[in-house]
Protein backbone atom coordinates (compact mmCIF):
# COMPACT_ATOMS: atom_id res chain seq x y z
CA MET A 1 123.38 128.36 90.57
CA LYS A 2 120.20 126.85 89.12
CA HIS A 3 116.96 127.78 90.89
CA ALA A 4 113.77 125.76 91.13
CA GLN A 5 111.06 126.97 88.77
CA GLY A 6 107.45 127.13 89.83
CA SER A 7 103.94 128.35 89.06
CA LEU A 8 103.26 131.83 90.50
CA LEU A 9 100.41 134.32 90.76
CA VAL A 10 101.19 138.04 91.23
CA VAL A 11 98.36 140.19 92.65
CA ASP A 12 98.57 144.01 92.67
CA ASP A 13 96.11 146.74 91.65
CA ASP A 14 98.91 148.77 89.99
CA ARG A 15 99.11 147.32 86.46
CA HIS A 16 102.62 148.69 85.86
CA ILE A 17 103.96 147.05 89.03
CA VAL A 18 102.18 143.75 88.48
CA GLU A 19 103.40 143.43 84.87
CA ALA A 20 106.98 144.47 85.72
CA MET A 21 107.11 141.92 88.53
CA ALA A 22 105.58 139.22 86.31
CA ASP A 23 108.10 139.90 83.53
CA TYR A 24 110.98 139.62 86.00
CA LEU A 25 109.68 136.33 87.40
CA ARG A 26 109.10 134.93 83.90
CA SER A 27 112.71 135.81 83.04
CA LEU A 28 113.74 133.52 85.91
CA GLY A 29 111.79 130.68 84.28
CA HIS A 30 108.65 130.76 86.46
CA ARG A 31 105.17 130.23 84.98
CA THR A 32 103.55 133.49 86.08
CA GLU A 33 99.98 134.83 85.94
CA THR A 34 98.63 138.14 87.20
CA ALA A 35 95.51 139.55 88.86
CA THR A 36 94.53 143.06 89.95
CA THR A 37 91.75 142.29 92.47
CA CYS A 38 91.25 139.89 95.33
CA GLU A 39 88.20 138.34 93.65
CA ASP A 40 90.08 137.79 90.38
CA ALA A 41 93.01 136.24 92.27
CA ILE A 42 90.77 133.79 94.17
CA ASN A 43 89.00 132.78 90.93
CA ARG A 44 92.38 132.09 89.29
CA MET A 45 93.47 130.08 92.33
CA ARG A 46 90.30 128.00 92.05
CA ASP A 47 91.13 127.24 88.41
CA PHE A 48 94.82 126.45 88.93
CA ARG A 49 96.95 125.31 91.90
CA PHE A 50 99.82 127.80 92.17
CA GLU A 51 102.90 126.98 94.20
CA ALA A 52 103.18 130.55 95.47
CA VAL A 53 101.09 133.75 95.41
CA ILE A 54 102.72 137.19 95.75
CA CYS A 55 99.95 139.53 96.89
CA ASP A 56 99.79 143.24 97.74
CA VAL A 57 98.00 143.92 101.03
CA ASN A 58 96.03 146.85 99.56
CA LEU A 59 93.59 145.81 96.84
CA PRO A 60 90.47 147.67 95.60
CA ASP A 61 87.84 145.08 96.65
CA ALA A 62 89.41 143.35 99.70
CA ASP A 63 92.82 143.35 101.31
CA GLY A 64 95.56 140.73 100.97
CA PHE A 65 94.72 139.36 104.42
CA HIS A 66 91.33 138.25 103.05
CA LEU A 67 93.07 136.32 100.26
CA LEU A 68 95.51 134.87 102.81
CA GLU A 69 92.68 133.62 105.04
CA TRP A 70 90.92 132.06 102.02
CA ALA A 71 94.15 130.36 100.85
CA VAL A 72 94.95 128.95 104.31
CA LYS A 73 91.48 127.40 104.46
CA GLU A 74 90.99 126.30 100.84
CA GLN A 75 94.51 125.77 99.46
CA PRO A 76 96.93 125.34 102.37
CA GLN A 77 99.57 123.86 100.04
CA THR A 78 99.98 127.27 98.31
CA ALA A 79 102.53 129.63 99.87
CA VAL A 80 101.33 133.27 100.20
CA ILE A 81 103.86 136.12 100.27
CA LEU A 82 102.31 139.46 101.26
CA LEU A 83 103.61 142.85 100.05
CA THR A 84 102.94 146.28 101.58
CA GLY A 85 104.17 149.80 100.97
CA TYR A 86 104.11 150.76 104.63
CA GLY A 87 104.96 147.63 106.55
CA THR A 88 105.18 147.54 110.32
CA ILE A 89 106.50 144.87 112.64
CA GLU A 90 102.99 144.36 114.03
CA SER A 91 101.40 143.72 110.61
CA ALA A 92 104.25 141.38 109.63
CA VAL A 93 103.79 139.36 112.81
CA GLU A 94 100.03 139.24 112.19
CA ALA A 95 100.59 138.03 108.61
CA ILE A 96 102.85 135.22 109.71
CA ARG A 97 100.45 134.30 112.52
CA LEU A 98 97.61 133.99 110.00
CA GLY A 99 99.69 131.67 107.81
CA ALA A 100 101.65 133.86 105.38
CA PHE A 101 104.90 132.31 104.21
CA ASP A 102 106.67 135.68 104.14
CA TYR A 103 106.00 139.44 104.38
CA LEU A 104 107.97 141.91 102.24
CA THR A 105 107.99 145.72 102.14
CA LYS A 106 107.64 147.63 98.85
CA PRO A 107 109.54 148.63 96.85
CA VAL A 108 110.65 145.02 96.70
CA ILE A 109 114.27 144.32 95.82
CA ASP A 110 114.51 141.70 93.03
CA GLU A 111 116.96 139.52 94.94
CA GLU A 112 114.77 139.66 98.05
CA LEU A 113 111.70 138.57 96.08
CA GLN A 114 113.64 135.84 94.29
CA LEU A 115 114.95 134.44 97.60
CA ALA A 116 111.46 134.42 99.18
CA ILE A 117 110.00 132.60 96.17
CA GLN A 118 112.83 130.03 96.09
CA ARG A 119 112.28 129.32 99.80
CA ALA A 120 108.51 129.00 99.29
CA ILE A 121 108.85 126.62 96.33
CA GLY A 122 111.56 124.62 98.10
CA GLN A 123 109.50 124.21 101.26
CA ARG A 124 106.36 123.24 99.29
CA ARG A 125 108.27 120.57 97.39
CA ILE A 126 109.81 119.21 100.59
CA VAL A 127 106.28 118.88 102.00
CA GLU A 128 105.14 117.10 98.83
CA GLU A 129 108.15 114.76 98.96
CA ASN A 130 107.39 113.98 102.61
CA LYS A 131 103.78 113.19 101.71
CA SER A 132 104.99 110.93 98.92
CA LEU A 133 107.45 109.16 101.23
CA LYS A 134 104.77 108.69 103.87
CA ALA A 135 102.44 107.25 101.23
CA GLN A 136 105.21 104.86 100.16
CA LEU A 137 105.78 103.84 103.78
CA ASP A 138 102.05 103.20 104.23
CA GLN A 139 102.01 101.17 101.02
CA ARG A 140 105.07 99.15 101.99
CA PHE A 141 104.56 98.71 105.72
CA GLY A 142 100.89 99.44 106.37
CA MET A 143 98.07 97.04 107.14
CA LYS A 144 97.46 96.36 103.44
CA ASN A 145 100.65 94.30 103.37
CA ILE A 146 99.49 91.92 106.08
CA VAL A 147 97.39 89.66 103.91
CA GLY A 148 94.75 87.31 105.26
CA HIS A 149 91.06 86.66 105.79
CA ASP A 150 91.52 83.73 108.18
CA TYR A 151 89.66 84.39 111.44
CA LYS A 152 92.93 84.29 113.43
CA MET A 153 94.35 87.04 111.22
CA LEU A 154 91.15 89.09 111.49
CA LYS A 155 91.40 88.92 115.28
CA MET A 156 95.01 90.11 115.02
CA PHE A 157 94.01 93.01 112.72
CA ASP A 158 91.45 94.13 115.32
CA LEU A 159 94.09 93.99 118.04
CA ILE A 160 96.58 96.00 115.95
CA GLU A 161 94.01 98.75 115.41
CA SER A 162 93.10 98.75 119.11
CA VAL A 163 96.64 99.11 120.45
CA ALA A 164 98.29 101.17 117.68
CA ASP A 165 97.51 104.62 119.09
CA THR A 166 98.50 103.75 122.66
CA LYS A 167 101.91 103.75 124.35
CA THR A 168 101.40 100.20 125.58
CA THR A 169 104.23 97.72 125.12
CA VAL A 170 103.32 94.97 122.65
CA LEU A 171 104.74 91.44 122.58
CA ILE A 172 104.39 89.57 119.28
CA LEU A 173 104.65 85.79 119.51
CA GLY A 174 105.07 83.41 116.61
CA GLU A 175 107.32 81.07 114.70
CA SER A 176 110.13 82.34 112.48
CA GLY A 177 108.92 83.60 109.12
CA THR A 178 105.33 84.36 110.16
CA GLY A 179 105.74 88.11 109.62
CA LYS A 180 106.31 89.53 113.12
CA THR A 181 108.47 92.39 111.80
CA MET A 182 105.77 93.39 109.31
CA THR A 183 103.20 93.42 112.12
CA ALA A 184 105.46 95.62 114.26
CA ARG A 185 105.85 98.08 111.38
CA ALA A 186 102.09 98.07 110.78
CA ILE A 187 101.47 98.96 114.45
CA HIS A 188 103.92 101.86 114.09
CA GLN A 189 102.37 103.07 110.81
CA GLN A 190 98.87 102.96 112.35
CA SER A 191 99.98 104.95 115.42
CA ASP A 192 100.32 108.68 116.06
CA ARG A 193 104.10 108.07 116.03
CA ARG A 194 104.12 107.22 112.32
CA ASP A 195 106.06 110.40 111.47
CA GLN A 196 108.77 109.54 114.03
CA PRO A 197 111.51 106.88 113.69
CA PHE A 198 110.89 103.15 113.57
CA VAL A 199 114.09 101.46 114.73
CA GLU A 200 114.60 97.70 114.57
CA VAL A 201 117.16 95.64 116.47
CA ALA A 202 117.62 91.89 115.96
CA CYS A 203 118.83 90.90 119.42
CA GLY A 204 119.93 87.45 118.29
CA ALA A 205 122.16 88.84 115.54
CA LEU A 206 124.58 90.62 117.90
CA PRO A 207 127.06 89.15 120.41
CA GLU A 208 126.20 89.78 124.06
CA ASN A 209 129.04 92.29 124.60
CA LEU A 210 127.85 94.50 121.71
CA LEU A 211 124.09 94.31 122.18
CA GLU A 212 124.02 96.58 125.24
CA SER A 213 126.13 99.17 123.42
CA GLU A 214 123.89 98.90 120.35
CA LEU A 215 120.79 99.65 122.40
CA PHE A 216 122.05 102.18 124.95
CA GLY A 217 125.15 103.60 123.25
CA HIS A 218 128.58 104.01 124.84
CA VAL A 219 131.10 106.67 125.72
CA GLN A 220 134.59 106.87 124.29
CA GLY A 221 137.05 104.52 126.01
CA SER A 222 134.36 102.46 127.78
CA PHE A 223 135.74 99.26 126.20
CA THR A 224 138.33 98.17 123.65
CA GLY A 225 137.37 99.57 120.28
CA ALA A 226 135.16 102.37 121.67
CA THR A 227 137.13 105.13 119.94
CA GLN A 228 134.30 107.67 120.13
CA ASP A 229 130.92 108.26 121.75
CA LYS A 230 128.05 106.36 120.15
CA GLU A 231 124.33 107.07 120.30
CA GLY A 232 122.30 103.91 120.93
CA LYS A 233 119.06 102.74 119.35
CA PHE A 234 116.93 103.98 122.25
CA LEU A 235 118.02 107.56 121.59
CA ALA A 236 117.67 107.04 117.82
CA ALA A 237 114.06 105.92 118.38
CA ASN A 238 113.18 108.75 120.77
CA GLY A 239 109.63 109.90 120.04
CA GLY A 240 109.01 106.85 117.87
CA THR A 241 108.99 103.06 118.10
CA LEU A 242 111.77 100.61 118.97
CA PHE A 243 111.24 97.03 117.80
CA LEU A 244 113.31 94.39 119.59
CA ASP A 245 113.19 91.12 117.67
CA GLU A 246 114.28 87.81 119.21
CA ILE A 247 114.00 89.28 122.73
CA ALA A 248 114.32 85.77 124.23
CA THR A 249 118.06 85.87 123.40
CA ALA A 250 118.68 88.98 125.55
CA PRO A 251 121.31 88.22 128.28
CA PRO A 252 120.43 88.74 131.99
CA SER A 253 122.47 91.97 132.33
CA LEU A 254 120.56 93.51 129.43
CA GLN A 255 117.22 92.35 130.82
CA VAL A 256 117.87 94.42 133.97
CA LYS A 257 118.52 97.56 131.92
CA LEU A 258 115.44 96.93 129.74
CA LEU A 259 113.27 96.66 132.84
CA ARG A 260 114.53 100.04 134.07
CA VAL A 261 113.87 101.73 130.72
CA LEU A 262 110.35 100.33 130.64
CA GLN A 263 109.63 101.48 134.20
CA ASP A 264 111.48 104.82 134.41
CA LYS A 265 112.02 105.77 130.73
CA GLU A 266 115.70 106.46 131.43
CA PHE A 267 119.13 104.83 131.08
CA GLU A 268 122.87 105.49 131.01
CA PRO A 269 125.16 104.58 128.09
CA VAL A 270 127.81 101.90 128.57
CA GLY A 271 130.71 103.40 130.53
CA GLY A 272 128.87 106.69 131.10
CA ASN A 273 127.09 108.33 134.02
CA LYS A 274 124.85 110.79 132.16
CA THR A 275 121.20 109.75 132.40
CA HIS A 276 119.10 110.00 129.23
CA LYS A 277 115.30 110.32 129.34
CA VAL A 278 113.46 108.87 126.36
CA ASP A 279 109.92 108.60 125.03
CA VAL A 280 109.96 105.28 123.16
CA ARG A 281 107.12 102.90 122.35
CA LEU A 282 108.51 99.36 122.68
CA ILE A 283 107.40 96.41 120.54
CA LEU A 284 109.07 93.06 121.15
CA ALA A 285 108.92 89.73 119.35
CA THR A 286 110.06 86.20 119.97
CA ASN A 287 109.67 82.71 118.55
CA GLY A 288 110.59 81.25 121.93
CA ASP A 289 108.35 80.27 124.84
CA LEU A 290 109.07 83.03 127.35
CA GLU A 291 106.78 81.50 129.98
CA GLU A 292 108.81 78.28 129.95
CA MET A 293 112.05 80.31 129.98
CA VAL A 294 110.83 82.14 133.09
CA LYS A 295 110.13 78.80 134.81
CA ALA A 296 113.59 77.60 133.83
CA GLY A 297 115.22 80.76 135.21
CA GLN A 298 116.42 81.86 131.76
CA PHE A 299 114.29 85.02 131.55
CA ARG A 300 113.47 87.50 134.31
CA GLU A 301 109.95 87.06 135.62
CA ASP A 302 109.50 90.80 136.38
CA LEU A 303 110.58 91.73 132.84
CA TYR A 304 108.29 89.09 131.34
CA TYR A 305 105.23 90.51 133.11
CA ARG A 306 106.31 94.05 132.19
CA ILE A 307 106.53 93.31 128.44
CA ASN A 308 103.57 90.94 128.32
CA VAL A 309 100.98 93.73 128.66
CA ILE A 310 99.46 93.17 125.23
CA SER A 311 100.48 90.01 123.40
CA MET A 312 99.40 88.89 119.97
CA VAL A 313 100.08 85.58 118.27
CA GLN A 314 101.15 85.52 114.63
CA PRO A 315 99.65 82.20 113.44
CA PRO A 316 101.83 79.81 111.42
CA LEU A 317 100.88 79.41 107.77
CA ARG A 318 99.86 75.76 108.20
CA GLU A 319 97.07 76.93 110.53
CA ARG A 320 95.57 79.30 107.93
CA ILE A 321 95.65 77.34 104.69
CA GLY A 322 92.67 79.35 103.44
CA ASP A 323 95.01 82.36 103.12
CA ILE A 324 97.51 80.55 100.88
CA PRO A 325 95.76 81.41 97.56
CA LEU A 326 95.43 85.03 98.71
CA LEU A 327 99.10 85.27 99.73
CA ALA A 328 100.29 83.51 96.60
CA ASP A 329 98.43 85.99 94.35
CA PHE A 330 99.61 88.97 96.42
CA TYR A 331 103.29 88.07 96.06
CA LEU A 332 102.80 86.89 92.46
CA ASN A 333 101.77 90.44 91.53
CA GLN A 334 104.78 91.89 93.37
CA PHE A 335 107.29 89.62 91.64
CA ASN A 336 105.62 90.08 88.25
CA GLU A 337 106.23 93.81 88.61
CA GLN A 338 109.79 93.41 89.91
CA ASN A 339 110.84 90.98 87.17
CA GLY A 340 108.85 92.33 84.23
CA LYS A 341 106.87 89.07 84.00
CA HIS A 342 103.19 88.52 83.14
CA VAL A 343 102.30 85.30 84.96
CA SER A 344 98.52 85.28 85.36
CA GLY A 345 98.25 83.02 88.40
CA PHE A 346 98.48 79.48 89.81
CA ASP A 347 96.61 76.52 88.43
CA PRO A 348 94.24 74.76 90.91
CA ALA A 349 96.48 71.70 91.28
CA ALA A 350 99.45 73.89 92.32
CA ILE A 351 97.32 75.71 94.91
CA ARG A 352 95.99 72.41 96.32
CA LEU A 353 99.54 71.12 96.63
CA MET A 354 100.63 74.31 98.38
CA GLN A 355 97.72 73.94 100.81
CA GLN A 356 98.79 70.38 101.65
CA TYR A 357 102.37 71.42 102.46
CA ASP A 358 103.12 72.26 106.12
CA TRP A 359 105.36 75.34 105.45
CA PRO A 360 108.02 75.05 108.16
CA GLY A 361 109.40 78.41 107.00
CA ASN A 362 105.93 79.99 107.07
CA VAL A 363 105.14 83.10 104.97
CA ARG A 364 108.84 83.81 104.40
CA GLU A 365 109.17 80.39 102.73
CA LEU A 366 106.03 80.98 100.64
CA VAL A 367 107.43 84.31 99.43
CA ASN A 368 110.61 82.55 98.26
CA VAL A 369 108.60 79.79 96.55
CA VAL A 370 106.44 82.33 94.68
CA GLU A 371 109.47 84.38 93.60
CA ARG A 372 111.23 81.24 92.34
CA ALA A 373 108.11 80.11 90.46
CA VAL A 374 107.61 83.51 88.82
CA VAL A 375 111.26 83.76 87.73
CA LEU A 376 111.45 80.19 86.37
CA SER A 377 107.96 79.86 84.88
CA LYS A 378 107.95 79.52 81.09
CA SER A 379 104.16 79.78 80.71
CA ASP A 380 101.51 82.29 81.77
CA GLU A 381 100.37 80.07 84.66
CA ILE A 382 102.31 78.46 87.51
CA THR A 383 101.83 74.69 87.65
CA MET A 384 102.89 71.96 90.06
CA ASN A 385 106.08 71.49 88.05
CA ASP A 386 107.12 75.09 88.81
CA LEU A 387 107.09 74.37 92.55
CA PRO A 388 110.26 73.14 94.32
CA GLU A 389 110.79 69.43 94.97
CA SER A 390 110.27 69.96 98.73
CA ILE A 391 106.62 70.77 97.99
CA ARG A 392 106.08 68.43 95.02
CA GLY A 393 107.46 65.51 97.04
CA HIS A 394 105.20 66.28 99.98
CA ARG A 395 101.78 64.60 99.94
CA THR A 396 99.85 65.16 103.15
CA ILE A 397 96.79 63.25 101.97
CA GLU A 398 98.64 60.24 100.64
CA GLN A 399 100.56 59.90 103.91
CA ASN A 400 97.35 59.60 105.89
CA PHE A 401 95.96 56.44 104.37
CA GLU A 402 97.21 53.05 103.27
CA LEU A 403 96.52 51.39 99.95
CA PRO A 404 93.26 49.42 100.00
CA THR A 405 93.74 45.79 100.95
CA ASN A 406 91.56 42.77 101.60
CA GLY A 407 88.96 43.89 99.11
CA SER A 408 88.31 47.28 100.73
CA SER A 409 87.16 49.81 98.17
CA LEU A 410 89.03 52.89 96.96
CA LYS A 411 86.01 54.99 98.00
CA ARG A 412 86.31 53.81 101.61
CA ALA A 413 90.07 54.32 101.59
CA MET A 414 89.64 57.90 100.43
CA ALA A 415 86.96 58.74 103.01
CA GLU A 416 89.25 59.37 106.01
CA PRO A 417 91.71 61.74 104.29
CA GLU A 418 88.78 63.66 102.77
CA ARG A 419 87.19 63.99 106.21
CA GLN A 420 90.50 65.13 107.68
CA LEU A 421 91.01 67.73 104.96
CA ILE A 422 87.53 69.17 105.57
CA VAL A 423 88.11 69.38 109.34
CA GLU A 424 91.48 71.09 108.81
CA ALA A 425 89.90 73.60 106.42
CA LEU A 426 87.10 74.32 108.90
CA GLU A 427 89.66 74.87 111.68
CA ALA A 428 91.72 77.16 109.46
CA ASN A 429 88.63 79.26 108.68
CA GLY A 430 87.27 79.42 112.22
CA TRP A 431 84.45 77.03 111.25
CA ASN A 432 83.08 79.63 108.84
CA ARG A 433 81.40 77.36 106.28
CA GLN A 434 81.22 79.91 103.48
CA ASN A 435 84.98 80.59 103.66
CA THR A 436 85.74 76.88 104.09
CA ALA A 437 83.78 75.98 100.97
CA ARG A 438 85.66 78.66 99.05
CA THR A 439 89.00 77.33 100.35
CA LEU A 440 88.14 73.78 99.29
CA GLY A 441 86.85 74.88 95.89
CA ILE A 442 83.34 73.49 96.45
CA ASN A 443 79.96 75.13 97.00
CA ARG A 444 78.43 75.46 100.46
CA THR A 445 75.71 72.86 99.82
CA THR A 446 78.34 70.24 98.93
CA LEU A 447 80.22 71.10 102.12
CA TYR A 448 77.05 70.66 104.24
CA LYS A 449 76.42 67.25 102.67
CA LYS A 450 79.97 66.07 103.30
CA MET A 451 79.88 67.33 106.91
CA LYS A 452 76.68 65.39 107.45
CA LYS A 453 78.12 62.33 105.74
CA TYR A 454 81.25 62.31 107.91
CA GLN A 455 79.42 63.48 111.06
CA ILE A 456 81.57 66.59 111.35
CA GLU A 457 80.29 68.87 114.11
CA TYR A 458 82.15 71.63 115.97
CA GLU A 459 81.48 70.34 119.52
CA ARG A 460 82.27 66.75 118.59
CA GLU A 461 85.60 67.66 116.95
CA LYS A 462 86.64 69.77 119.95
CA GLN A 463 85.90 66.87 122.28
CA LEU A 464 87.97 64.54 120.08
CA ILE A 465 90.92 66.97 120.26
CA GLN A 466 90.65 67.27 124.04
């Protein structure tokens, strides 16, 4: 059986023992150094991060417990195994309480030492792997992946940070493709439940007769095909977060059970009578209008008010056109890496065209468009011709004015669509003029002049809308 090899430090004031132990450990393939005093050992640990330290309790300058206390404080990732010639149960318990990985009595049997070191190295590497996995989760599902500087997105970021560390139920509203699942994952990753499960259920993807079983589990024989007991998603998410997407599709019978779980934190599996208690943070999402569904009798009013404690709206892409260049570059970099491409970016005309398009599929559609453009592009920059026909054939500006007739000038004909584009950009950027100018590709002074020219004022535009 092959054993993991690691970097070790052996500390003992008896030179014969320390060298014999080091030779044995080197024969097993470990990188091994030695020290004969506590001070020397600590200096070596400062210079090099060992995976494990095997230290005698009795040293000439300070005991092994002093080294243990220093290691726990300064290098907690290093496992410390203490050795003593006259071990007692009390001292072993004290060593473990102070943070020692193990406590062995001399003379140490080779196999016993080897086993302790293998366990120490194995546990350290599991911890490192967990850290790496958590870092990957943060990178993939954390806030950094929700891209946007539009004021509506900034308000949503603030709300995510405010509610993340609470147990409060969150309802995410928004059209399909706006990124509701990513927001739910970000809330989980920001919370103190990040190390516990995140379980997702797409309610609309399952038939009514299976959805209840999927969420609450079932017992053997409860219905045709239930050949064995099944644990539901609520139990799978215990201690963590359960994300219910498309909650508007939940049938009335399921809505009753959901209300009970939210109120009492307990449920019974389908066909069973054993009550399960759970600690689950619930996040729900829908692209439907739950308020209208309540009025129409299609969704329980008591459940609606129970889940609508904190609601956040994921804005459609057409309402934050200033984020389109940011999103396009973000996904461009991702698909460059995935496909081994080196596309530098989008030319200005392509970006302008993308900002004129209304994106019925929202961010999900933009992701697909960017991936397609990166894969098919034959140059180092994505142009209008690399965009799909659905976008190239769409001209928002041209649709908003007629060709000049009766001697009217081109300048006058272009005035209204230009005014409209400026107003839309201001709306998309929360009337922040600096961001709006950047979105439109003009400087702030030019924007001020055009706003004055077209009599664009916040109060006036709001009155026109109302």
